[in-house]
Amino acid sequence: MFRNIPSTFLLAVLLTACLSPSPTPLATPKAHPSNLPELGGTWNIKMSQSGGIMGMSRSIEILSDGSFELNDLRAEKTVDGRLTNTEMTSLRELVTKAELMPLPAIEEAVCADCFIYNLEIQASDQPFSIQLTDISLPGSGLESLVEFLRRFMDRAPR
């Protein structure tokens, strides 16, 4: 019976080492105001996507005239272009219909390979910025907007 004590002790130590300490919640992402600004007059939308297992680092900025700049830092490429009228209409509708929902505190180390999305909208002197992850994006009210921008970045010529 005592011969198993060292192996039992070792197993207990290993299991304890694998347990993570109780996670410290991160601050709720800052967003102001609670809803997105109206896209009237001159505006711009910026979104960066970073992280993931591949270490992606790319961004897009779209101006109110429909011009955009897409940067892929890993590929060291920049692409300039213009959204179609249909894409601009879709983008405006997504921003208009988006309603930011309260976000829960995010736990550290929940998803080591998640993407991080930094979204900024500047319109009518109403700055809006928020940081989301693959964990906090669902239920945020911004999924459709982030997906639109992400799909656009995916299909833009490189």
N, C-alpha and C. Protein backbone atom coordinates (compact mmCIF):
# COMPACT_ATOMS: atom_id res chain seq x y z
N MET A 1 0.82 -1.18 0.00
CA MET A 1 0.00 0.00 0.00
C MET A 1 0.87 1.26 0.00
N PHE A 2 1.95 1.27 0.77
CA PHE A 2 2.81 2.46 0.84
C PHE A 2 3.65 2.64 -0.42
N ARG A 3 3.78 1.58 -1.23
CA ARG A 3 4.53 1.71 -2.48
C ARG A 3 3.82 2.65 -3.45
N ASN A 4 2.53 2.76 -3.35
CA ASN A 4 1.76 3.62 -4.26
C ASN A 4 1.70 5.08 -3.80
N ILE A 5 2.16 5.36 -2.62
CA ILE A 5 2.10 6.74 -2.13
C ILE A 5 2.91 7.68 -3.00
N PRO A 6 4.15 7.36 -3.38
CA PRO A 6 4.89 8.30 -4.22
C PRO A 6 4.19 8.54 -5.56
N SER A 7 3.67 7.52 -6.21
CA SER A 7 3.01 7.73 -7.49
C SER A 7 1.70 8.48 -7.31
N THR A 8 0.98 8.22 -6.23
CA THR A 8 -0.25 8.95 -5.95
C THR A 8 0.07 10.42 -5.67
N PHE A 9 1.12 10.65 -4.92
CA PHE A 9 1.54 12.01 -4.61
C PHE A 9 1.94 12.75 -5.89
N LEU A 10 2.69 12.08 -6.75
CA LEU A 10 3.13 12.67 -8.01
C LEU A 10 1.92 13.00 -8.89
N LEU A 11 0.96 12.10 -8.95
CA LEU A 11 -0.24 12.34 -9.74
C LEU A 11 -1.01 13.55 -9.20
N ALA A 12 -1.12 13.65 -7.89
CA ALA A 12 -1.82 14.79 -7.27
C ALA A 12 -1.11 16.10 -7.59
N VAL A 13 0.23 16.09 -7.52
CA VAL A 13 1.00 17.30 -7.82
C VAL A 13 0.80 17.70 -9.28
N LEU A 14 0.85 16.73 -10.19
CA LEU A 14 0.69 17.02 -11.61
C LEU A 14 -0.71 17.57 -11.90
N LEU A 15 -1.72 16.98 -11.31
CA LEU A 15 -3.08 17.47 -11.54
C LEU A 15 -3.26 18.87 -11.00
N THR A 16 -2.67 19.14 -9.85
CA THR A 16 -2.77 20.47 -9.26
C THR A 16 -2.06 21.49 -10.15
N ALA A 17 -0.96 21.12 -10.73
CA ALA A 17 -0.21 22.04 -11.59
C ALA A 17 -0.98 22.36 -12.86
N CYS A 18 -1.83 21.42 -13.31
CA CYS A 18 -2.60 21.65 -14.53
C CYS A 18 -3.80 22.55 -14.30
N LEU A 19 -4.23 22.65 -13.07
CA LEU A 19 -5.36 23.53 -12.79
C LEU A 19 -4.89 24.97 -12.86
N SER A 20 -5.70 25.79 -13.47
CA SER A 20 -5.33 27.21 -13.53
C SER A 20 -5.91 27.91 -12.32
N PRO A 21 -5.23 28.92 -11.85
CA PRO A 21 -5.80 29.67 -10.73
C PRO A 21 -7.09 30.32 -11.17
N SER A 22 -7.91 30.71 -10.24
CA SER A 22 -9.17 31.33 -10.63
C SER A 22 -8.85 32.54 -11.49
N PRO A 23 -9.46 32.60 -12.68
CA PRO A 23 -9.11 33.66 -13.62
C PRO A 23 -9.49 35.03 -13.10
N THR A 24 -8.63 35.98 -13.45
CA THR A 24 -8.90 37.36 -13.11
C THR A 24 -9.65 37.98 -14.27
N PRO A 25 -10.87 38.47 -14.04
CA PRO A 25 -11.60 39.04 -15.16
C PRO A 25 -10.92 40.31 -15.66
N LEU A 26 -10.90 40.45 -16.98
CA LEU A 26 -10.40 41.68 -17.58
C LEU A 26 -11.51 42.70 -17.53
N ALA A 27 -11.15 43.92 -17.70
CA ALA A 27 -12.15 44.98 -17.72
C ALA A 27 -13.07 44.78 -18.91
N THR A 28 -14.32 45.13 -18.74
CA THR A 28 -15.25 45.09 -19.85
C THR A 28 -14.75 46.04 -20.92
N PRO A 29 -14.77 45.60 -22.19
CA PRO A 29 -14.28 46.48 -23.25
C PRO A 29 -14.96 47.84 -23.19
N LYS A 30 -14.16 48.87 -23.44
CA LYS A 30 -14.69 50.23 -23.39
C LYS A 30 -15.33 50.56 -24.73
N ALA A 31 -16.51 51.04 -24.66
CA ALA A 31 -17.21 51.51 -25.86
C ALA A 31 -18.01 52.74 -25.47
N HIS A 32 -17.96 53.73 -26.29
CA HIS A 32 -18.71 54.92 -26.00
C HIS A 32 -19.13 55.56 -27.30
N PRO A 33 -20.34 55.95 -27.46
CA PRO A 33 -21.50 55.73 -26.60
C PRO A 33 -21.99 54.29 -26.71
N SER A 34 -23.17 54.00 -26.11
CA SER A 34 -23.63 52.63 -26.09
C SER A 34 -24.05 52.14 -27.46
N ASN A 35 -24.40 53.02 -28.36
CA ASN A 35 -24.71 52.63 -29.73
C ASN A 35 -23.73 53.31 -30.68
N LEU A 36 -23.64 52.77 -31.87
CA LEU A 36 -22.68 53.30 -32.83
C LEU A 36 -23.11 54.65 -33.36
N PRO A 37 -22.15 55.48 -33.76
CA PRO A 37 -22.50 56.80 -34.31
C PRO A 37 -23.18 56.66 -35.66
N GLU A 38 -23.95 57.69 -36.02
CA GLU A 38 -24.60 57.72 -37.32
C GLU A 38 -23.57 58.08 -38.38
N LEU A 39 -23.67 57.40 -39.51
CA LEU A 39 -22.73 57.66 -40.60
C LEU A 39 -23.27 58.73 -41.52
N GLY A 40 -23.22 59.97 -41.05
CA GLY A 40 -23.62 61.11 -41.85
C GLY A 40 -22.41 61.98 -42.09
N GLY A 41 -22.37 62.66 -43.21
CA GLY A 41 -21.23 63.52 -43.50
C GLY A 41 -19.96 62.71 -43.72
N THR A 42 -18.88 63.22 -43.19
CA THR A 42 -17.58 62.54 -43.33
C THR A 42 -17.38 61.59 -42.16
N TRP A 43 -16.99 60.37 -42.44
CA TRP A 43 -16.76 59.36 -41.41
C TRP A 43 -15.68 58.40 -41.88
N ASN A 44 -15.17 57.62 -40.94
CA ASN A 44 -14.26 56.53 -41.29
C ASN A 44 -14.46 55.38 -40.30
N ILE A 45 -14.22 54.19 -40.81
CA ILE A 45 -14.32 52.97 -40.02
C ILE A 45 -12.98 52.25 -40.15
N LYS A 46 -12.42 51.88 -39.02
CA LYS A 46 -11.17 51.11 -39.01
C LYS A 46 -11.41 49.83 -38.22
N MET A 47 -10.87 48.75 -38.73
CA MET A 47 -10.89 47.52 -37.96
C MET A 47 -9.56 46.80 -38.18
N SER A 48 -8.99 46.35 -37.08
CA SER A 48 -7.80 45.50 -37.18
C SER A 48 -8.17 44.13 -36.65
N GLN A 49 -7.55 43.13 -37.22
CA GLN A 49 -7.72 41.75 -36.80
C GLN A 49 -6.33 41.19 -36.55
N SER A 50 -6.11 40.69 -35.34
CA SER A 50 -4.81 40.14 -35.02
C SER A 50 -4.98 38.86 -34.22
N GLY A 51 -3.89 38.12 -34.14
CA GLY A 51 -3.89 36.90 -33.34
C GLY A 51 -4.19 35.66 -34.16
N GLY A 52 -4.78 34.70 -33.49
CA GLY A 52 -5.05 33.42 -34.14
C GLY A 52 -3.80 32.57 -34.16
N ILE A 53 -3.96 31.34 -34.56
CA ILE A 53 -2.83 30.41 -34.55
C ILE A 53 -1.75 30.81 -35.55
N MET A 54 -2.15 31.57 -36.60
CA MET A 54 -1.18 32.00 -37.61
C MET A 54 -0.53 33.33 -37.28
N GLY A 55 -0.97 33.98 -36.22
CA GLY A 55 -0.41 35.28 -35.88
C GLY A 55 -0.79 36.35 -36.88
N MET A 56 -2.05 36.33 -37.32
CA MET A 56 -2.53 37.29 -38.31
C MET A 56 -2.44 38.71 -37.78
N SER A 57 -2.16 39.63 -38.67
CA SER A 57 -2.13 41.06 -38.31
C SER A 57 -2.50 41.85 -39.56
N ARG A 58 -3.77 42.23 -39.62
CA ARG A 58 -4.23 42.98 -40.78
C ARG A 58 -5.25 44.01 -40.34
N SER A 59 -5.45 45.02 -41.19
CA SER A 59 -6.39 46.07 -40.86
C SER A 59 -7.01 46.62 -42.13
N ILE A 60 -8.16 47.24 -41.92
CA ILE A 60 -8.84 47.91 -43.03
C ILE A 60 -9.36 49.24 -42.52
N GLU A 61 -9.28 50.26 -43.37
CA GLU A 61 -9.88 51.54 -43.08
C GLU A 61 -10.73 51.92 -44.28
N ILE A 62 -11.98 52.26 -44.00
CA ILE A 62 -12.92 52.65 -45.05
C ILE A 62 -13.35 54.08 -44.76
N LEU A 63 -13.27 54.92 -45.79
CA LEU A 63 -13.68 56.32 -45.66
C LEU A 63 -15.08 56.51 -46.24
N SER A 64 -15.70 57.61 -45.89
CA SER A 64 -17.07 57.89 -46.30
C SER A 64 -17.25 57.99 -47.81
N ASP A 65 -16.18 58.22 -48.55
CA ASP A 65 -16.29 58.26 -50.01
C ASP A 65 -16.19 56.87 -50.63
N GLY A 66 -16.06 55.83 -49.79
CA GLY A 66 -16.00 54.46 -50.29
C GLY A 66 -14.60 53.94 -50.51
N SER A 67 -13.60 54.80 -50.41
CA SER A 67 -12.23 54.33 -50.59
C SER A 67 -11.80 53.54 -49.36
N PHE A 68 -10.93 52.58 -49.59
CA PHE A 68 -10.43 51.79 -48.47
C PHE A 68 -8.95 51.53 -48.64
N GLU A 69 -8.33 51.20 -47.52
CA GLU A 69 -6.93 50.76 -47.50
C GLU A 69 -6.88 49.53 -46.63
N LEU A 70 -6.36 48.47 -47.20
CA LEU A 70 -6.21 47.19 -46.50
C LEU A 70 -4.73 46.94 -46.30
N ASN A 71 -4.32 46.69 -45.06
CA ASN A 71 -2.92 46.40 -44.74
C ASN A 71 -2.81 45.01 -44.17
N ASP A 72 -1.89 44.25 -44.71
CA ASP A 72 -1.56 42.93 -44.16
C ASP A 72 -0.11 43.00 -43.71
N LEU A 73 0.09 43.12 -42.41
CA LEU A 73 1.45 43.30 -41.89
C LEU A 73 2.32 42.06 -42.08
N ARG A 74 1.73 40.88 -41.96
CA ARG A 74 2.53 39.66 -42.15
C ARG A 74 3.01 39.53 -43.58
N ALA A 75 2.13 39.83 -44.53
CA ALA A 75 2.49 39.74 -45.95
C ALA A 75 3.20 41.00 -46.44
N GLU A 76 3.24 42.02 -45.59
CA GLU A 76 3.83 43.30 -45.94
C GLU A 76 3.24 43.86 -47.23
N LYS A 77 1.88 43.84 -47.29
CA LYS A 77 1.18 44.34 -48.47
C LYS A 77 0.11 45.32 -48.06
N THR A 78 -0.08 46.31 -48.92
CA THR A 78 -1.14 47.29 -48.76
C THR A 78 -1.93 47.33 -50.06
N VAL A 79 -3.25 47.30 -49.94
CA VAL A 79 -4.12 47.35 -51.10
C VAL A 79 -5.07 48.52 -50.92
N ASP A 80 -5.17 49.36 -51.95
CA ASP A 80 -6.13 50.46 -51.96
C ASP A 80 -7.24 50.09 -52.92
N GLY A 81 -8.43 50.57 -52.65
CA GLY A 81 -9.54 50.30 -53.55
C GLY A 81 -10.76 51.13 -53.17
N ARG A 82 -11.88 50.74 -53.73
CA ARG A 82 -13.13 51.45 -53.49
C ARG A 82 -14.25 50.41 -53.38
N LEU A 83 -15.09 50.60 -52.36
CA LEU A 83 -16.25 49.74 -52.20
C LEU A 83 -17.27 50.09 -53.28
N THR A 84 -18.04 49.09 -53.68
CA THR A 84 -19.12 49.34 -54.64
C THR A 84 -20.26 50.06 -53.91
N ASN A 85 -21.19 50.59 -54.67
CA ASN A 85 -22.36 51.24 -54.06
C ASN A 85 -23.14 50.25 -53.21
N THR A 86 -23.25 49.02 -53.67
CA THR A 86 -23.96 47.99 -52.91
C THR A 86 -23.25 47.70 -51.59
N GLU A 87 -21.92 47.61 -51.63
CA GLU A 87 -21.15 47.38 -50.40
C GLU A 87 -21.27 48.55 -49.44
N MET A 88 -21.25 49.77 -49.97
CA MET A 88 -21.41 50.95 -49.11
C MET A 88 -22.78 50.96 -48.45
N THR A 89 -23.82 50.62 -49.21
CA THR A 89 -25.17 50.56 -48.65
C THR A 89 -25.24 49.50 -47.56
N SER A 90 -24.65 48.35 -47.81
CA SER A 90 -24.64 47.28 -46.80
C SER A 90 -23.90 47.71 -45.54
N LEU A 91 -22.76 48.35 -45.72
CA LEU A 91 -21.97 48.81 -44.58
C LEU A 91 -22.75 49.82 -43.74
N ARG A 92 -23.37 50.79 -44.40
CA ARG A 92 -24.16 51.79 -43.67
C ARG A 92 -25.31 51.13 -42.90
N GLU A 93 -25.99 50.17 -43.53
CA GLU A 93 -27.09 49.48 -42.87
C GLU A 93 -26.61 48.71 -41.65
N LEU A 94 -25.45 48.05 -41.78
CA LEU A 94 -24.92 47.28 -40.65
C LEU A 94 -24.58 48.18 -39.47
N VAL A 95 -24.02 49.35 -39.74
CA VAL A 95 -23.69 50.29 -38.67
C VAL A 95 -24.97 50.86 -38.06
N THR A 96 -25.93 51.21 -38.91
CA THR A 96 -27.19 51.79 -38.43
C THR A 96 -27.97 50.80 -37.57
N LYS A 97 -28.00 49.53 -37.97
CA LYS A 97 -28.79 48.52 -37.26
C LYS A 97 -28.06 47.92 -36.06
N ALA A 98 -26.76 48.11 -35.99
CA ALA A 98 -25.99 47.51 -34.88
C ALA A 98 -26.39 48.16 -33.57
N GLU A 99 -26.56 47.34 -32.58
CA GLU A 99 -26.88 47.83 -31.24
C GLU A 99 -25.98 47.10 -30.26
N LEU A 100 -25.05 47.84 -29.69
CA LEU A 100 -24.08 47.25 -28.78
C LEU A 100 -24.78 46.70 -27.54
N MET A 101 -24.52 45.45 -27.25
CA MET A 101 -25.09 44.80 -26.07
C MET A 101 -24.05 44.83 -24.96
N PRO A 102 -24.51 44.80 -23.71
CA PRO A 102 -23.55 44.76 -22.59
C PRO A 102 -22.66 43.51 -22.72
N LEU A 103 -21.38 43.70 -22.51
CA LEU A 103 -20.44 42.61 -22.63
C LEU A 103 -20.01 42.13 -21.25
N PRO A 104 -19.98 40.82 -21.05
CA PRO A 104 -19.52 40.32 -19.75
C PRO A 104 -18.01 40.50 -19.62
N ALA A 105 -17.52 40.46 -18.40
CA ALA A 105 -16.07 40.49 -18.19
C ALA A 105 -15.48 39.27 -18.86
N ILE A 106 -14.33 39.46 -19.45
CA ILE A 106 -13.67 38.38 -20.18
C ILE A 106 -12.59 37.79 -19.29
N GLU A 107 -12.53 36.47 -19.24
CA GLU A 107 -11.51 35.82 -18.43
C GLU A 107 -10.22 35.69 -19.21
N GLU A 108 -9.12 35.86 -18.53
CA GLU A 108 -7.81 35.68 -19.15
C GLU A 108 -7.64 34.22 -19.55
N ALA A 109 -6.87 33.98 -20.57
CA ALA A 109 -6.47 32.65 -21.02
C ALA A 109 -7.65 31.77 -21.38
N VAL A 110 -8.77 32.36 -21.73
CA VAL A 110 -9.91 31.56 -22.15
C VAL A 110 -9.65 31.01 -23.55
N CYS A 111 -9.04 31.80 -24.39
CA CYS A 111 -8.82 31.38 -25.77
C CYS A 111 -7.49 31.95 -26.26
N ALA A 112 -6.47 31.14 -26.15
CA ALA A 112 -5.12 31.61 -26.51
C ALA A 112 -4.98 31.90 -28.00
N ASP A 113 -5.75 31.22 -28.85
CA ASP A 113 -5.61 31.39 -30.29
C ASP A 113 -6.76 32.17 -30.92
N CYS A 114 -7.47 32.92 -30.12
CA CYS A 114 -8.58 33.73 -30.64
C CYS A 114 -8.06 34.91 -31.44
N PHE A 115 -8.93 35.39 -32.31
CA PHE A 115 -8.65 36.65 -32.99
C PHE A 115 -9.09 37.79 -32.09
N ILE A 116 -8.39 38.89 -32.20
CA ILE A 116 -8.75 40.12 -31.50
C ILE A 116 -9.13 41.13 -32.57
N TYR A 117 -10.28 41.76 -32.37
CA TYR A 117 -10.79 42.76 -33.31
C TYR A 117 -10.85 44.11 -32.61
N ASN A 118 -10.17 45.08 -33.16
CA ASN A 118 -10.26 46.46 -32.68
C ASN A 118 -11.05 47.23 -33.71
N LEU A 119 -12.21 47.71 -33.29
CA LEU A 119 -13.11 48.42 -34.19
C LEU A 119 -13.21 49.87 -33.75
N GLU A 120 -13.03 50.78 -34.70
CA GLU A 120 -13.14 52.22 -34.42
C GLU A 120 -14.01 52.84 -35.49
N ILE A 121 -14.94 53.68 -35.04
CA ILE A 121 -15.78 54.44 -35.97
C ILE A 121 -15.71 55.89 -35.54
N GLN A 122 -15.40 56.75 -36.49
CA GLN A 122 -15.37 58.19 -36.23
C GLN A 122 -16.39 58.84 -37.16
N ALA A 123 -17.43 59.41 -36.57
CA ALA A 123 -18.45 60.08 -37.36
C ALA A 123 -19.13 61.13 -36.50
N SER A 124 -19.40 62.26 -37.08
CA SER A 124 -20.13 63.33 -36.40
C SER A 124 -19.57 63.64 -35.03
N ASP A 125 -18.27 63.71 -34.91
CA ASP A 125 -17.62 63.98 -33.62
C ASP A 125 -18.04 63.01 -32.52
N GLN A 126 -18.42 61.80 -32.92
CA GLN A 126 -18.79 60.76 -31.97
C GLN A 126 -17.82 59.59 -32.13
N PRO A 127 -16.72 59.61 -31.39
CA PRO A 127 -15.80 58.48 -31.52
C PRO A 127 -16.38 57.24 -30.86
N PHE A 128 -16.15 56.12 -31.48
CA PHE A 128 -16.59 54.83 -30.95
C PHE A 128 -15.43 53.87 -31.11
N SER A 129 -15.09 53.15 -30.07
CA SER A 129 -14.04 52.13 -30.19
C SER A 129 -14.36 51.01 -29.23
N ILE A 130 -14.00 49.81 -29.66
CA ILE A 130 -14.23 48.62 -28.84
C ILE A 130 -13.23 47.55 -29.27
N GLN A 131 -12.85 46.72 -28.32
CA GLN A 131 -12.02 45.57 -28.62
C GLN A 131 -12.84 44.32 -28.30
N LEU A 132 -12.91 43.43 -29.28
CA LEU A 132 -13.65 42.19 -29.15
C LEU A 132 -12.73 41.03 -29.46
N THR A 133 -13.10 39.85 -28.99
CA THR A 133 -12.39 38.62 -29.33
C THR A 133 -13.40 37.64 -29.91
N ASP A 134 -12.91 36.51 -30.37
CA ASP A 134 -13.83 35.47 -30.85
C ASP A 134 -14.79 35.02 -29.75
N ILE A 135 -14.40 35.22 -28.50
CA ILE A 135 -15.26 34.84 -27.38
C ILE A 135 -16.31 35.91 -27.10
N SER A 136 -15.92 37.19 -27.13
CA SER A 136 -16.86 38.26 -26.79
C SER A 136 -17.69 38.75 -27.98
N LEU A 137 -17.29 38.42 -29.20
CA LEU A 137 -18.01 38.90 -30.39
C LEU A 137 -19.45 38.39 -30.45
N PRO A 138 -19.69 37.07 -30.29
CA PRO A 138 -21.08 36.60 -30.32
C PRO A 138 -21.88 37.24 -29.19
N GLY A 139 -23.03 37.76 -29.53
CA GLY A 139 -23.87 38.39 -28.53
C GLY A 139 -23.54 39.85 -28.27
N SER A 140 -22.52 40.39 -28.95
CA SER A 140 -22.12 41.79 -28.73
C SER A 140 -23.02 42.76 -29.49
N GLY A 141 -23.73 42.26 -30.50
CA GLY A 141 -24.51 43.13 -31.36
C GLY A 141 -23.71 43.64 -32.55
N LEU A 142 -22.42 43.29 -32.60
CA LEU A 142 -21.55 43.77 -33.67
C LEU A 142 -21.07 42.65 -34.58
N GLU A 143 -21.62 41.46 -34.41
CA GLU A 143 -21.15 40.31 -35.20
C GLU A 143 -21.26 40.55 -36.69
N SER A 144 -22.40 41.06 -37.14
CA SER A 144 -22.62 41.24 -38.58
C SER A 144 -21.65 42.26 -39.17
N LEU A 145 -21.40 43.34 -38.45
CA LEU A 145 -20.48 44.36 -38.92
C LEU A 145 -19.05 43.83 -39.00
N VAL A 146 -18.62 43.14 -37.95
CA VAL A 146 -17.26 42.58 -37.94
C VAL A 146 -17.12 41.52 -39.04
N GLU A 147 -18.14 40.68 -39.21
CA GLU A 147 -18.09 39.66 -40.27
C GLU A 147 -18.02 40.29 -41.65
N PHE A 148 -18.77 41.37 -41.88
CA PHE A 148 -18.73 42.06 -43.16
C PHE A 148 -17.31 42.56 -43.44
N LEU A 149 -16.73 43.23 -42.47
CA LEU A 149 -15.38 43.76 -42.65
C LEU A 149 -14.36 42.64 -42.82
N ARG A 150 -14.52 41.58 -42.06
CA ARG A 150 -13.60 40.44 -42.17
C ARG A 150 -13.71 39.76 -43.53
N ARG A 151 -14.94 39.54 -43.99
CA ARG A 151 -15.13 38.92 -45.32
C ARG A 151 -14.55 39.81 -46.41
N PHE A 152 -14.72 41.11 -46.25
CA PHE A 152 -14.18 42.03 -47.23
C PHE A 152 -12.66 41.93 -47.27
N MET A 153 -12.04 41.86 -46.09
CA MET A 153 -10.58 41.72 -46.03
C MET A 153 -10.14 40.39 -46.65
N ASP A 154 -10.93 39.34 -46.44
CA ASP A 154 -10.59 38.02 -46.99
C ASP A 154 -10.58 38.00 -48.51
N ARG A 155 -11.49 38.73 -49.11
CA ARG A 155 -11.60 38.64 -50.57
C ARG A 155 -10.89 39.75 -51.32
N ALA A 156 -10.37 40.74 -50.60
CA ALA A 156 -9.65 41.82 -51.26
C ALA A 156 -8.41 41.26 -51.95
N PRO A 157 -8.11 41.74 -53.14
CA PRO A 157 -6.92 41.24 -53.85
C PRO A 157 -5.65 41.56 -53.08
N ARG A 158 -4.69 40.66 -53.19
CA ARG A 158 -3.43 40.85 -52.47
C ARG A 158 -2.26 40.75 -53.40
